[in-house]
């Protein structure tokens, strides 16, 4: 029986993934394999090549012939020119790093919230309307009580007459 080490196609239509298998040369491409000894994914960057070299050498010693594609993969594995992808960072570590970076730049409060509360931001930006109103009243009352020839800024001459009319109306009511 002629044994070959070849690729068995798997995966979706345009995203093929291969398994490196040992099989009889007369079987179909995707037929039953004697043994699966590795994987090959050309879609990743760099390509994923995982082959059990001990088993590949065993089968070569038994007379199995690798196809051209598998021979190229085995050569890459033997030479040590295989490019290895950088390991992905742990999601928990990425999350903690993002929290630390956000805490340093924003100056987040000690309550542990990751975003500032809207109410706290509004209070910090503008003073209350109650605090502003009495201050404005004292300024306008001081301007109206002064009897100078020039009216105060923004004060109407009618405002001086209005308190006098109110006092006259109260006197009439009290006398009646």
Protein backbone atom coordinates (compact mmCIF):
# COMPACT_ATOMS: atom_id res chain seq x y z
CA UNK A 1 0.00 0.00 0.00
CA UNK A 2 1.37 3.44 -0.96
CA UNK A 3 1.07 5.85 1.96
CA UNK A 4 1.20 9.63 1.55
CA UNK A 5 1.44 12.54 3.95
CA UNK A 6 -0.87 15.14 2.46
CA UNK A 7 -3.36 17.92 3.20
CA UNK A 8 -7.02 17.28 3.94
CA UNK A 9 -9.16 20.32 3.13
CA UNK A 10 -11.60 21.62 5.75
CA UNK A 11 -13.35 24.91 6.50
CA UNK A 12 -15.61 27.24 4.55
CA UNK A 13 -15.70 27.85 0.81
CA UNK A 14 -13.17 30.69 0.60
CA UNK A 15 -11.45 30.18 3.93
CA UNK A 16 -9.84 26.80 3.65
CA UNK A 17 -8.12 25.20 6.63
CA UNK A 18 -6.08 22.05 6.17
CA UNK A 19 -5.15 19.08 8.31
CA UNK A 20 -1.87 17.32 7.68
CA UNK A 21 -2.79 13.65 7.48
CA UNK A 22 -1.28 10.28 6.68
CA UNK A 23 -3.47 8.35 4.24
CA UNK A 24 -3.49 5.81 1.45
CA UNK A 25 -2.68 7.42 -1.88
CA UNK A 26 -5.76 5.87 -3.50
CA UNK A 27 -8.33 7.47 -1.13
CA UNK A 28 -10.20 10.70 -1.85
CA UNK A 29 -8.71 14.03 -0.85
CA UNK A 30 -11.13 14.40 2.06
CA UNK A 31 -11.47 10.68 2.71
CA UNK A 32 -10.65 8.64 5.78
CA UNK A 33 -7.15 9.23 7.13
CA UNK A 34 -4.87 6.77 8.86
CA UNK A 35 -3.61 9.46 11.25
CA UNK A 36 -3.87 13.25 11.63
CA UNK A 37 -0.49 14.71 12.50
CA UNK A 38 -1.01 18.46 12.21
CA UNK A 39 -2.86 21.59 11.10
CA UNK A 40 -2.22 24.29 8.50
CA UNK A 41 -4.17 27.57 8.32
CA UNK A 42 -2.96 29.89 5.53
CA UNK A 43 -5.60 32.53 6.34
CA UNK A 44 -3.92 33.78 9.51
CA UNK A 45 -1.04 36.24 9.59
CA UNK A 46 1.49 34.62 9.93
CA UNK A 47 0.17 31.27 8.71
CA UNK A 48 -0.54 28.71 11.41
CA UNK A 49 1.53 25.55 11.00
CA UNK A 50 1.33 22.90 13.70
CA UNK A 51 2.84 19.52 12.82
CA UNK A 52 3.87 16.75 15.20
CA UNK A 53 7.40 16.27 13.85
CA UNK A 54 7.95 13.02 15.75
CA UNK A 55 4.98 11.39 14.01
CA UNK A 56 5.93 12.88 10.63
CA UNK A 57 9.46 11.46 10.94
CA UNK A 58 8.03 8.09 12.03
CA UNK A 59 5.81 7.88 8.94
CA UNK A 60 8.65 8.99 6.65
CA UNK A 61 10.72 6.20 8.16
CA UNK A 62 7.92 3.77 7.33
CA UNK A 63 8.02 4.85 3.66
CA UNK A 64 5.28 7.51 3.52
CA UNK A 65 5.94 10.14 0.85
CA UNK A 66 4.94 13.78 1.57
CA UNK A 67 3.24 15.77 -1.20
CA UNK A 68 4.91 18.97 -2.46
CA UNK A 69 2.83 21.22 -0.19
CA UNK A 70 3.48 19.08 2.90
CA UNK A 71 7.18 18.80 2.01
CA UNK A 72 7.37 22.61 2.00
CA UNK A 73 5.62 22.79 5.40
CA UNK A 74 7.93 20.13 6.85
CA UNK A 75 10.97 22.01 5.53
CA UNK A 76 9.74 25.20 7.27
CA UNK A 77 9.25 23.28 10.52
CA UNK A 78 12.71 21.64 10.29
CA UNK A 79 14.57 24.86 9.42
CA UNK A 80 13.08 26.83 12.27
CA UNK A 81 12.05 29.63 9.91
CA UNK A 82 8.49 29.35 11.11
CA UNK A 83 7.05 32.74 12.07
CA UNK A 84 5.11 32.66 15.29
CA UNK A 85 2.27 35.08 15.99
CA UNK A 86 2.54 37.22 19.09
CA UNK A 87 0.47 35.81 21.93
CA UNK A 88 -2.80 37.63 22.48
CA UNK A 89 -3.07 39.70 25.62
CA UNK A 90 -5.37 38.48 28.35
CA UNK A 91 -8.73 40.32 28.29
CA UNK A 92 -8.64 40.87 32.04
CA UNK A 93 -5.21 42.51 31.81
CA UNK A 94 -6.40 44.77 28.97
CA UNK A 95 -9.44 45.79 31.02
CA UNK A 96 -7.38 46.62 34.09
CA UNK A 97 -4.91 48.62 32.00
CA UNK A 98 -7.78 50.61 30.47
CA UNK A 99 -9.19 51.32 33.93
CA UNK A 100 -5.82 52.49 35.18
CA UNK A 101 -5.34 54.75 32.15
CA UNK A 102 -8.82 56.22 32.54
CA UNK A 103 -8.26 56.82 36.24
CA UNK A 104 -5.02 58.70 35.67
CA UNK A 105 -6.28 60.97 32.87
CA UNK A 106 -9.80 61.74 34.18
CA UNK A 107 -9.07 61.93 37.88
CA UNK A 108 -12.10 59.76 38.63
CA UNK A 109 -13.61 59.95 42.10
CA UNK A 110 -12.85 57.41 44.80
CA UNK A 111 -16.30 55.79 44.59
CA UNK A 112 -15.05 53.52 41.82
CA UNK A 113 -17.24 54.93 39.06
CA UNK A 114 -15.61 54.94 35.67
CA UNK A 115 -17.52 57.98 34.42
CA UNK A 116 -18.29 61.22 36.22
CA UNK A 117 -21.88 61.77 37.31
CA UNK A 118 -23.80 64.44 35.43
CA UNK A 119 -25.23 66.09 38.54
CA UNK A 120 -21.81 66.51 40.11
CA UNK A 121 -20.50 68.06 36.91
CA UNK A 122 -23.40 70.54 36.68
CA UNK A 123 -23.00 71.60 40.33
CA UNK A 124 -19.30 72.20 39.86
CA UNK A 125 -19.78 74.29 36.72
CA UNK A 126 -22.59 76.71 37.70
CA UNK A 127 -23.63 78.13 41.08
CA UNK A 128 -27.23 77.73 42.23
CA UNK A 129 -29.85 80.21 41.02
CA UNK A 130 -30.91 80.93 44.65
CA UNK A 131 -27.42 82.14 45.49
CA UNK A 132 -27.32 84.51 42.52
CA UNK A 133 -30.81 86.06 42.88
CA UNK A 134 -30.44 87.80 46.30
CA UNK A 135 -27.15 89.36 45.26
CA UNK A 136 -28.83 90.86 42.21
CA UNK A 137 -31.75 92.12 44.35
CA UNK A 138 -29.45 93.93 46.78
CA UNK A 139 -27.70 95.69 43.93
CA UNK A 140 -30.94 96.82 42.29
CA UNK A 141 -32.51 97.90 45.61
CA UNK A 142 -29.41 99.94 46.43
CA UNK A 143 -29.61 101.60 43.05
CA UNK A 144 -33.29 102.51 43.46
CA UNK A 145 -32.90 103.87 47.00
CA UNK A 146 -30.24 106.30 45.97
CA UNK A 147 -31.74 109.62 44.99
CA UNK A 148 -29.36 110.89 42.44
CA UNK A 149 -30.07 112.77 39.30
CA UNK A 150 -28.79 110.01 37.04
CA UNK A 151 -30.63 106.72 37.11
CA UNK A 152 -28.58 103.62 37.89
CA UNK A 153 -27.46 101.35 35.09
CA UNK A 154 -30.34 99.28 33.76
CA UNK A 155 -32.85 100.90 36.11
CA UNK A 156 -35.98 102.41 34.56
CA UNK A 157 -37.47 105.68 35.76
CA UNK A 158 -40.78 103.85 36.05
CA UNK A 159 -39.36 101.63 38.78
CA UNK A 160 -38.92 104.73 40.99
CA UNK A 161 -42.57 105.67 40.49
CA UNK A 162 -43.91 102.15 41.08
CA UNK A 163 -42.99 101.99 44.80
CA UNK A 164 -44.61 105.41 45.38
CA UNK A 165 -47.83 104.26 43.73
CA UNK A 166 -47.85 101.10 45.84
CA UNK A 167 -47.44 103.13 49.05
CA UNK A 168 -50.31 105.42 48.03
CA UNK A 169 -52.56 102.43 47.33
CA UNK A 170 -51.78 100.93 50.75
CA UNK A 171 -52.54 104.23 52.47
CA UNK A 172 -55.93 104.43 50.73
CA UNK A 173 -56.82 100.90 51.79
CA UNK A 174 -55.79 101.57 55.38
CA UNK A 175 -57.88 104.78 55.49
CA UNK A 176 -60.97 103.14 54.03
